[in-house]
Amino acid sequence: MKDVLVIGANRGLGLGFVEALLARGCRVVATVREPMHAGMLTKRAATEPLEILALDVGKAESRERFHRDMAPRTIDTVIHNAGIYGPRGLPVGDLPEDAWMEVLHIDTVAPLLTAQGLLPQMRASASAGKKTSFHFLTSLMGSVGDNGSGGSYLYRSAKAGLNAAVRSLSIDLASDNIAVQLLHPGWVRTGMGGENAPIDIPTSVAGMIERIEELSLAESGRFVDYTGKALPW
């Protein structure tokens, strides 16, 4: 794993990935919505093999510019971290259509459209004999089999949709020798996870990098947490 793209890298788990990958000697392309406000990444890019590109995954024109920017670059590992939770605590009877559509778009549709535009680079990497893979951060809350508490309609449905789409992607890319997996980072102390979460960012990221490095084509399409535990669909 040498040339890595981290999508959604300005803070939290995304920034944690960038820091850990640079420490491992990787060349990293990191995306943020507004590069002018990527202070920590900008400092690292001044002295390390890190490039920062603009990408708002929810906007078609931004994805198109990003895919043009990526065209001449080499990449063999993609980590898709960008996502939103949406409004919290909404009961049946108070579910907002516009907000729900936004969460579905950002968390389900946009990751696959972004990956789709990167297929030329990924296929070139695989054709050159490199270990090539897509990794999508998801959530146990997207598991239908694990849902025993209800609620969280927007986020649960969006992540369940992502899981289903990525599972199909893993099947369709097998013939290209491109592996794919879904990664649940655990309940992590981030802006989304909150201060009471039991897992810190370095622990989660280190575990997920292990899962990335160990992934083989034979295991493509799996849904696991940061420790490698298989999760129910």
C-alpha atoms as a PDB file:
ATOM      1  CA  MET A   1       0.000   0.000   0.000  1.00  0.00           C
ATOM      2  CA  LYS A   2       1.940   2.995  -1.306  1.00  0.00           C
ATOM      3  CA  ASP A   3      -0.321   5.380  -3.221  1.00  0.00           C
ATOM      4  CA  VAL A   4      -3.412   6.049  -1.119  1.00  0.00           C
ATOM      5  CA  LEU A   5      -6.391   8.330  -1.626  1.00  0.00           C
ATOM      6  CA  VAL A   6      -8.279   9.393   1.521  1.00  0.00           C
ATOM      7  CA  ILE A   7     -11.659  10.969   0.754  1.00  0.00           C
ATOM      8  CA  GLY A   8     -12.884  13.216   3.573  1.00  0.00           C
ATOM      9  CA  ALA A   9      -9.609  13.914   5.346  1.00  0.00           C
ATOM     10  CA  ASN A  10      -9.822  17.286   7.090  1.00  0.00           C
ATOM     11  CA  ARG A  11     -10.649  16.007  10.579  1.00  0.00           C
ATOM     12  CA  GLY A  12     -11.577  13.006  12.690  1.00  0.00           C
ATOM     13  CA  LEU A  13     -10.962   9.579  11.222  1.00  0.00           C
ATOM     14  CA  GLY A  14      -9.950  10.968   7.841  1.00  0.00           C
ATOM     15  CA  LEU A  15      -7.177  13.080   9.330  1.00  0.00           C
ATOM     16  CA  GLY A  16      -6.221  10.126  11.504  1.00  0.00           C
ATOM     17  CA  PHE A  17      -5.830   7.994   8.382  1.00  0.00           C
ATOM     18  CA  VAL A  18      -3.602  10.576   6.717  1.00  0.00           C
ATOM     19  CA  GLU A  19      -1.316  10.830   9.738  1.00  0.00           C
ATOM     20  CA  ALA A  20      -1.036   7.064  10.149  1.00  0.00           C
ATOM     21  CA  LEU A  21      -0.433   6.430   6.439  1.00  0.00           C
ATOM     22  CA  LEU A  22       2.290   9.071   6.216  1.00  0.00           C
ATOM     23  CA  ALA A  23       3.964   7.488   9.241  1.00  0.00           C
ATOM     24  CA  ARG A  24       3.984   4.197   7.310  1.00  0.00           C
ATOM     25  CA  GLY A  25       5.743   5.787   4.343  1.00  0.00           C
ATOM     26  CA  CYS A  26       2.742   6.035   2.020  1.00  0.00           C
ATOM     27  CA  ARG A  27       2.182   8.706  -0.595  1.00  0.00           C
ATOM     28  CA  VAL A  28      -1.199  10.213   0.152  1.00  0.00           C
ATOM     29  CA  VAL A  29      -3.753  12.260  -1.743  1.00  0.00           C
ATOM     30  CA  ALA A  30      -6.248  13.743   0.725  1.00  0.00           C
ATOM     31  CA  THR A  31      -9.530  15.397  -0.223  1.00  0.00           C
ATOM     32  CA  VAL A  32     -11.289  18.184   1.641  1.00  0.00           C
ATOM     33  CA  ARG A  33     -14.214  20.366   0.702  1.00  0.00           C
ATOM     34  CA  GLU A  34     -12.255  23.602   1.191  1.00  0.00           C
ATOM     35  CA  PRO A  35      -8.452  23.284   0.890  1.00  0.00           C
ATOM     36  CA  MET A  36      -8.029  26.873   2.122  1.00  0.00           C
ATOM     37  CA  HIS A  37      -9.267  25.695   5.528  1.00  0.00           C
ATOM     38  CA  ALA A  38      -7.176  22.519   5.730  1.00  0.00           C
ATOM     39  CA  GLY A  39      -4.659  23.973   8.167  1.00  0.00           C
ATOM     40  CA  MET A  40      -3.239  20.785   9.659  1.00  0.00           C
ATOM     41  CA  LEU A  41      -3.043  19.015   6.313  1.00  0.00           C
ATOM     42  CA  THR A  42      -1.440  22.028   4.666  1.00  0.00           C
ATOM     43  CA  LYS A  43       1.354  22.012   7.245  1.00  0.00           C
ATOM     44  CA  ARG A  44       1.996  18.300   6.668  1.00  0.00           C
ATOM     45  CA  ALA A  45       1.937  18.715   2.884  1.00  0.00           C
ATOM     46  CA  ALA A  46       4.792  21.211   3.071  1.00  0.00           C
ATOM     47  CA  THR A  47       7.260  18.545   4.208  1.00  0.00           C
ATOM     48  CA  GLU A  48       5.709  15.140   3.433  1.00  0.00           C
ATOM     49  CA  PRO A  49       4.409  13.196   0.398  1.00  0.00           C
ATOM     50  CA  LEU A  50       0.906  14.545   0.805  1.00  0.00           C
ATOM     51  CA  GLU A  51      -1.240  16.290  -1.801  1.00  0.00           C
ATOM     52  CA  ILE A  52      -4.523  18.039  -0.991  1.00  0.00           C
ATOM     53  CA  LEU A  53      -7.356  18.168  -3.532  1.00  0.00           C
ATOM     54  CA  ALA A  54     -10.778  19.788  -3.324  1.00  0.00           C
ATOM     55  CA  LEU A  55     -13.805  17.491  -3.351  1.00  0.00           C
ATOM     56  CA  ASP A  56     -17.368  17.878  -2.179  1.00  0.00           C
ATOM     57  CA  VAL A  57     -18.704  14.390  -2.836  1.00  0.00           C
ATOM     58  CA  GLY A  58     -22.305  15.595  -2.842  1.00  0.00           C
ATOM     59  CA  LYS A  59     -21.837  17.966  -5.794  1.00  0.00           C
ATOM     60  CA  ALA A  60     -21.559  16.622  -9.328  1.00  0.00           C
ATOM     61  CA  GLU A  61     -19.425  19.507 -10.583  1.00  0.00           C
ATOM     62  CA  SER A  62     -16.971  19.033  -7.716  1.00  0.00           C
ATOM     63  CA  ARG A  63     -16.695  15.300  -8.434  1.00  0.00           C
ATOM     64  CA  GLU A  64     -16.102  16.017 -12.118  1.00  0.00           C
ATOM     65  CA  ARG A  65     -13.276  18.452 -11.347  1.00  0.00           C
ATOM     66  CA  PHE A  66     -11.796  16.010  -8.886  1.00  0.00           C
ATOM     67  CA  HIS A  67     -11.844  13.139 -11.375  1.00  0.00           C
ATOM     68  CA  ARG A  68     -10.096  15.348 -13.926  1.00  0.00           C
ATOM     69  CA  ASP A  69      -7.478  16.252 -11.303  1.00  0.00           C
ATOM     70  CA  MET A  70      -6.977  12.567 -10.505  1.00  0.00           C
ATOM     71  CA  ALA A  71      -6.628  11.459 -14.133  1.00  0.00           C
ATOM     72  CA  PRO A  72      -2.802  11.717 -14.328  1.00  0.00           C
ATOM     73  CA  ARG A  73      -2.206  10.352 -10.847  1.00  0.00           C
ATOM     74  CA  THR A  74      -1.369   6.851  -9.663  1.00  0.00           C
ATOM     75  CA  ILE A  75      -3.540   5.318  -6.963  1.00  0.00           C
ATOM     76  CA  ASP A  76      -3.907   1.786  -5.653  1.00  0.00           C
ATOM     77  CA  THR A  77      -5.865   2.182  -2.402  1.00  0.00           C
ATOM     78  CA  VAL A  78      -8.972   4.324  -1.903  1.00  0.00           C
ATOM     79  CA  ILE A  79     -10.404   5.003   1.571  1.00  0.00           C
ATOM     80  CA  HIS A  80     -13.812   6.674   1.407  1.00  0.00           C
ATOM     81  CA  ASN A  81     -14.490   8.373   4.734  1.00  0.00           C
ATOM     82  CA  ALA A  82     -16.776  11.275   3.774  1.00  0.00           C
ATOM     83  CA  GLY A  83     -20.278  11.116   5.212  1.00  0.00           C
ATOM     84  CA  ILE A  84     -22.906  12.814   7.378  1.00  0.00           C
ATOM     85  CA  TYR A  85     -25.325  11.705  10.093  1.00  0.00           C
ATOM     86  CA  GLY A  86     -28.138  14.172   9.533  1.00  0.00           C
ATOM     87  CA  PRO A  87     -30.708  15.367  12.102  1.00  0.00           C
ATOM     88  CA  ARG A  88     -30.840  13.200  15.220  1.00  0.00           C
ATOM     89  CA  GLY A  89     -33.671  11.924  17.372  1.00  0.00           C
ATOM     90  CA  LEU A  90     -36.425  12.147  14.769  1.00  0.00           C
ATOM     91  CA  PRO A  91     -39.422   9.882  15.513  1.00  0.00           C
ATOM     92  CA  VAL A  92     -41.881   8.388  13.050  1.00  0.00           C
ATOM     93  CA  GLY A  93     -44.296  11.180  12.226  1.00  0.00           C
ATOM     94  CA  ASP A  94     -41.533  13.779  12.072  1.00  0.00           C
ATOM     95  CA  LEU A  95     -39.238  12.433   9.351  1.00  0.00           C
ATOM     96  CA  PRO A  96     -38.094  15.252   7.009  1.00  0.00           C
ATOM     97  CA  GLU A  97     -37.956  14.382   3.325  1.00  0.00           C
ATOM     98  CA  ASP A  98     -35.314  16.923   2.298  1.00  0.00           C
ATOM     99  CA  ALA A  99     -32.889  16.019   5.089  1.00  0.00           C
ATOM    100  CA  TRP A 100     -33.400  12.305   4.459  1.00  0.00           C
ATOM    101  CA  MET A 101     -32.646  12.714   0.759  1.00  0.00           C
ATOM    102  CA  GLU A 102     -29.481  14.641   1.610  1.00  0.00           C
ATOM    103  CA  VAL A 103     -28.204  11.893   3.917  1.00  0.00           C
ATOM    104  CA  LEU A 104     -29.009   9.220   1.333  1.00  0.00           C
ATOM    105  CA  HIS A 105     -27.238  11.221  -1.341  1.00  0.00           C
ATOM    106  CA  ILE A 106     -24.073  11.884   0.664  1.00  0.00           C
ATOM    107  CA  ASP A 107     -23.795   8.504   2.386  1.00  0.00           C
ATOM    108  CA  THR A 108     -25.132   6.105  -0.267  1.00  0.00           C
ATOM    109  CA  VAL A 109     -25.090   7.584  -3.761  1.00  0.00           C
ATOM    110  CA  ALA A 110     -22.045   9.880  -3.696  1.00  0.00           C
ATOM    111  CA  PRO A 111     -19.513   7.243  -2.523  1.00  0.00           C
ATOM    112  CA  LEU A 112     -20.364   4.985  -5.460  1.00  0.00           C
ATOM    113  CA  LEU A 113     -20.342   7.818  -7.983  1.00  0.00           C
ATOM    114  CA  THR A 114     -16.976   8.955  -6.653  1.00  0.00           C
ATOM    115  CA  ALA A 115     -15.597   5.414  -6.862  1.00  0.00           C
ATOM    116  CA  GLN A 116     -17.006   5.023 -10.360  1.00  0.00           C
ATOM    117  CA  GLY A 117     -14.981   7.981 -11.576  1.00  0.00           C
ATOM    118  CA  LEU A 118     -11.791   6.477 -10.126  1.00  0.00           C
ATOM    119  CA  LEU A 119     -12.096   3.165 -11.944  1.00  0.00           C
ATOM    120  CA  PRO A 120      -9.614   4.061 -14.722  1.00  0.00           C
ATOM    121  CA  GLN A 121      -6.839   4.686 -12.190  1.00  0.00           C
ATOM    122  CA  MET A 122      -7.743   1.615 -10.140  1.00  0.00           C
ATOM    123  CA  ARG A 123      -7.904  -0.668 -13.158  1.00  0.00           C
ATOM    124  CA  ALA A 124      -4.548   0.634 -14.345  1.00  0.00           C
ATOM    125  CA  SER A 125      -3.062  -0.115 -10.939  1.00  0.00           C
ATOM    126  CA  ALA A 126      -4.494  -3.635 -10.893  1.00  0.00           C
ATOM    127  CA  SER A 127      -3.329  -4.267 -14.471  1.00  0.00           C
ATOM    128  CA  ALA A 128       0.185  -3.292 -13.392  1.00  0.00           C
ATOM    129  CA  GLY A 129       0.084  -6.070 -10.801  1.00  0.00           C
ATOM    130  CA  LYS A 130      -0.383  -3.864  -7.768  1.00  0.00           C
ATOM    131  CA  LYS A 131      -2.650  -4.834  -4.877  1.00  0.00           C
ATOM    132  CA  THR A 132      -5.621  -2.583  -5.557  1.00  0.00           C
ATOM    133  CA  SER A 133      -8.613  -1.959  -3.304  1.00  0.00           C
ATOM    134  CA  PHE A 134     -11.557   0.256  -2.329  1.00  0.00           C
ATOM    135  CA  HIS A 135     -12.508   0.683   1.345  1.00  0.00           C
ATOM    136  CA  PHE A 136     -15.732   2.373   2.434  1.00  0.00           C
ATOM    137  CA  LEU A 137     -16.308   3.490   6.015  1.00  0.00           C
ATOM    138  CA  THR A 138     -19.794   2.462   7.061  1.00  0.00           C
ATOM    139  CA  SER A 139     -21.483   1.730  10.388  1.00  0.00           C
ATOM    140  CA  LEU A 140     -22.949  -1.121  12.363  1.00  0.00           C
ATOM    141  CA  MET A 141     -26.067   1.055  12.341  1.00  0.00           C
ATOM    142  CA  GLY A 142     -26.425   0.083   8.691  1.00  0.00           C
ATOM    143  CA  SER A 143     -26.857  -3.555   9.703  1.00  0.00           C
ATOM    144  CA  VAL A 144     -30.460  -4.743   9.359  1.00  0.00           C
ATOM    145  CA  GLY A 145     -29.672  -7.889  11.335  1.00  0.00           C
ATOM    146  CA  ASP A 146     -28.218  -5.949  14.265  1.00  0.00           C
ATOM    147  CA  ASN A 147     -31.024  -3.379  14.570  1.00  0.00           C
ATOM    148  CA  GLY A 148     -32.782  -4.088  17.843  1.00  0.00           C
ATOM    149  CA  SER A 149     -33.406  -0.521  18.984  1.00  0.00           C
ATOM    150  CA  GLY A 150     -35.066   1.207  16.025  1.00  0.00           C
ATOM    151  CA  GLY A 151     -34.824   4.914  15.357  1.00  0.00           C
ATOM    152  CA  SER A 152     -32.081   6.736  13.408  1.00  0.00           C
ATOM    153  CA  TYR A 153     -34.028   6.241  10.191  1.00  0.00           C
ATOM    154  CA  LEU A 154     -31.975   8.554   8.019  1.00  0.00           C
ATOM    155  CA  TYR A 155     -28.524   7.310   8.950  1.00  0.00           C
ATOM    156  CA  ARG A 156     -29.467   3.629   9.240  1.00  0.00           C
ATOM    157  CA  SER A 157     -31.117   3.525   5.833  1.00  0.00           C
ATOM    158  CA  ALA A 158     -28.274   5.417   4.161  1.00  0.00           C
ATOM    159  CA  LYS A 159     -25.603   3.106   5.536  1.00  0.00           C
ATOM    160  CA  ALA A 160     -27.687   0.012   4.747  1.00  0.00           C
ATOM    161  CA  GLY A 161     -27.929   1.297   1.181  1.00  0.00           C
ATOM    162  CA  LEU A 162     -24.176   1.874   1.055  1.00  0.00           C
ATOM    163  CA  ASN A 163     -23.573  -1.658   2.321  1.00  0.00           C
ATOM    164  CA  ALA A 164     -25.780  -3.153  -0.384  1.00  0.00           C
ATOM    165  CA  ALA A 165     -24.210  -1.083  -3.163  1.00  0.00           C
ATOM    166  CA  VAL A 166     -20.643  -1.812  -2.085  1.00  0.00           C
ATOM    167  CA  ARG A 167     -21.403  -5.520  -1.867  1.00  0.00           C
ATOM    168  CA  SER A 168     -22.472  -5.380  -5.525  1.00  0.00           C
ATOM    169  CA  LEU A 169     -19.359  -3.377  -6.395  1.00  0.00           C
ATOM    170  CA  SER A 170     -17.158  -6.084  -4.895  1.00  0.00           C
ATOM    171  CA  ILE A 171     -18.761  -8.680  -7.172  1.00  0.00           C
ATOM    172  CA  ASP A 172     -18.532  -6.553 -10.301  1.00  0.00           C
ATOM    173  CA  LEU A 173     -14.863  -5.594  -9.756  1.00  0.00           C
ATOM    174  CA  ALA A 174     -13.627  -9.102  -8.965  1.00  0.00           C
ATOM    175  CA  SER A 175     -12.740  -9.718 -12.613  1.00  0.00           C
ATOM    176  CA  ASP A 176     -10.592  -6.553 -12.526  1.00  0.00           C
ATOM    177  CA  ASN A 177      -8.637  -7.888  -9.517  1.00  0.00           C
ATOM    178  CA  ILE A 178      -9.861  -4.990  -7.372  1.00  0.00           C
ATOM    179  CA  ALA A 179     -10.846  -5.884  -3.799  1.00  0.00           C
ATOM    180  CA  VAL A 180     -13.551  -4.015  -1.905  1.00  0.00           C
ATOM    181  CA  GLN A 181     -14.636  -3.926   1.727  1.00  0.00           C
ATOM    182  CA  LEU A 182     -16.898  -2.149   4.201  1.00  0.00           C
ATOM    183  CA  LEU A 183     -15.290  -0.969   7.436  1.00  0.00           C
ATOM    184  CA  HIS A 184     -17.079  -0.113  10.671  1.00  0.00           C
ATOM    185  CA  PRO A 185     -14.667   2.043  12.714  1.00  0.00           C
ATOM    186  CA  GLY A 186     -16.401   1.330  16.018  1.00  0.00           C
ATOM    187  CA  TRP A 187     -17.863   3.987  18.278  1.00  0.00           C
ATOM    188  CA  VAL A 188     -15.078   6.560  18.082  1.00  0.00           C
ATOM    189  CA  ARG A 189     -14.519   9.876  19.830  1.00  0.00           C
ATOM    190  CA  THR A 190     -15.067  12.167  16.853  1.00  0.00           C
ATOM    191  CA  GLY A 191     -17.431  15.015  16.079  1.00  0.00           C
ATOM    192  CA  MET A 192     -20.013  12.455  15.005  1.00  0.00           C
ATOM    193  CA  GLY A 193     -19.306   9.864  17.704  1.00  0.00           C
ATOM    194  CA  GLY A 194     -19.212  12.314  20.596  1.00  0.00           C
ATOM    195  CA  GLU A 195     -17.029  12.612  23.692  1.00  0.00           C
ATOM    196  CA  ASN A 196     -18.487   9.538  25.417  1.00  0.00           C
ATOM    197  CA  ALA A 197     -17.374   7.114  22.721  1.00  0.00           C
ATOM    198  CA  PRO A 198     -15.026   4.416  24.115  1.00  0.00           C
ATOM    199  CA  ILE A 199     -12.530   4.254  21.219  1.00  0.00           C
ATOM    200  CA  ASP A 200      -9.969   6.888  20.277  1.00  0.00           C
ATOM    201  CA  ILE A 201      -9.083   7.767  16.697  1.00  0.00           C
ATOM    202  CA  PRO A 202      -5.561   6.214  16.618  1.00  0.00           C
ATOM    203  CA  THR A 203      -6.885   2.857  17.881  1.00  0.00           C
ATOM    204  CA  SER A 204      -9.680   2.732  15.312  1.00  0.00           C
ATOM    205  CA  VAL A 205      -7.474   3.860  12.442  1.00  0.00           C
ATOM    206  CA  ALA A 206      -4.685   1.415  13.297  1.00  0.00           C
ATOM    207  CA  GLY A 207      -7.188  -1.438  13.308  1.00  0.00           C
ATOM    208  CA  MET A 208      -8.728  -0.391  10.004  1.00  0.00           C
ATOM    209  CA  ILE A 209      -5.320  -0.094   8.344  1.00  0.00           C
ATOM    210  CA  GLU A 210      -4.637  -3.673   9.421  1.00  0.00           C
ATOM    211  CA  ARG A 211      -7.925  -4.712   7.802  1.00  0.00           C
ATOM    212  CA  ILE A 212      -6.944  -2.835   4.635  1.00  0.00           C
ATOM    213  CA  GLU A 213      -3.542  -4.459   4.446  1.00  0.00           C
ATOM    214  CA  GLU A 214      -4.854  -7.976   5.041  1.00  0.00           C
ATOM    215  CA  LEU A 215      -7.736  -7.793   2.551  1.00  0.00           C
ATOM    216  CA  SER A 216      -7.485 -10.288  -0.302  1.00  0.00           C
ATOM    217  CA  LEU A 217      -9.641 -10.822  -3.367  1.00  0.00           C
ATOM    218  CA  ALA A 218     -10.990 -13.967  -1.736  1.00  0.00           C
ATOM    219  CA  GLU A 219     -12.454 -11.808   1.074  1.00  0.00           C
ATOM    220  CA  SER A 220     -13.694  -8.981  -1.137  1.00  0.00           C
ATOM    221  CA  GLY A 221     -17.148  -7.718  -0.205  1.00  0.00           C
ATOM    222  CA  ARG A 222     -16.839  -8.347   3.506  1.00  0.00           C
ATOM    223  CA  PHE A 223     -18.373  -6.155   6.226  1.00  0.00           C
ATOM    224  CA  VAL A 224     -16.114  -6.000   9.288  1.00  0.00           C
ATOM    225  CA  ASP A 225     -15.274  -3.731  12.194  1.00  0.00           C
ATOM    226  CA  TYR A 226     -11.886  -2.244  12.950  1.00  0.00           C
ATOM    227  CA  THR A 227     -10.862  -5.382  14.874  1.00  0.00           C
ATOM    228  CA  GLY A 228     -11.690  -7.680  11.964  1.00  0.00           C
ATOM    229  CA  LYS A 229     -14.921  -9.013  13.445  1.00  0.00           C
ATOM    230  CA  ALA A 230     -17.450  -9.979  10.757  1.00  0.00           C
ATOM    231  CA  LEU A 231     -20.692  -8.022  11.129  1.00  0.00           C
ATOM    232  CA  PRO A 232     -24.255  -9.107  10.301  1.00  0.00           C
ATOM    233  CA  TRP A 233     -25.861  -7.651   7.215  1.00  0.00           C
END
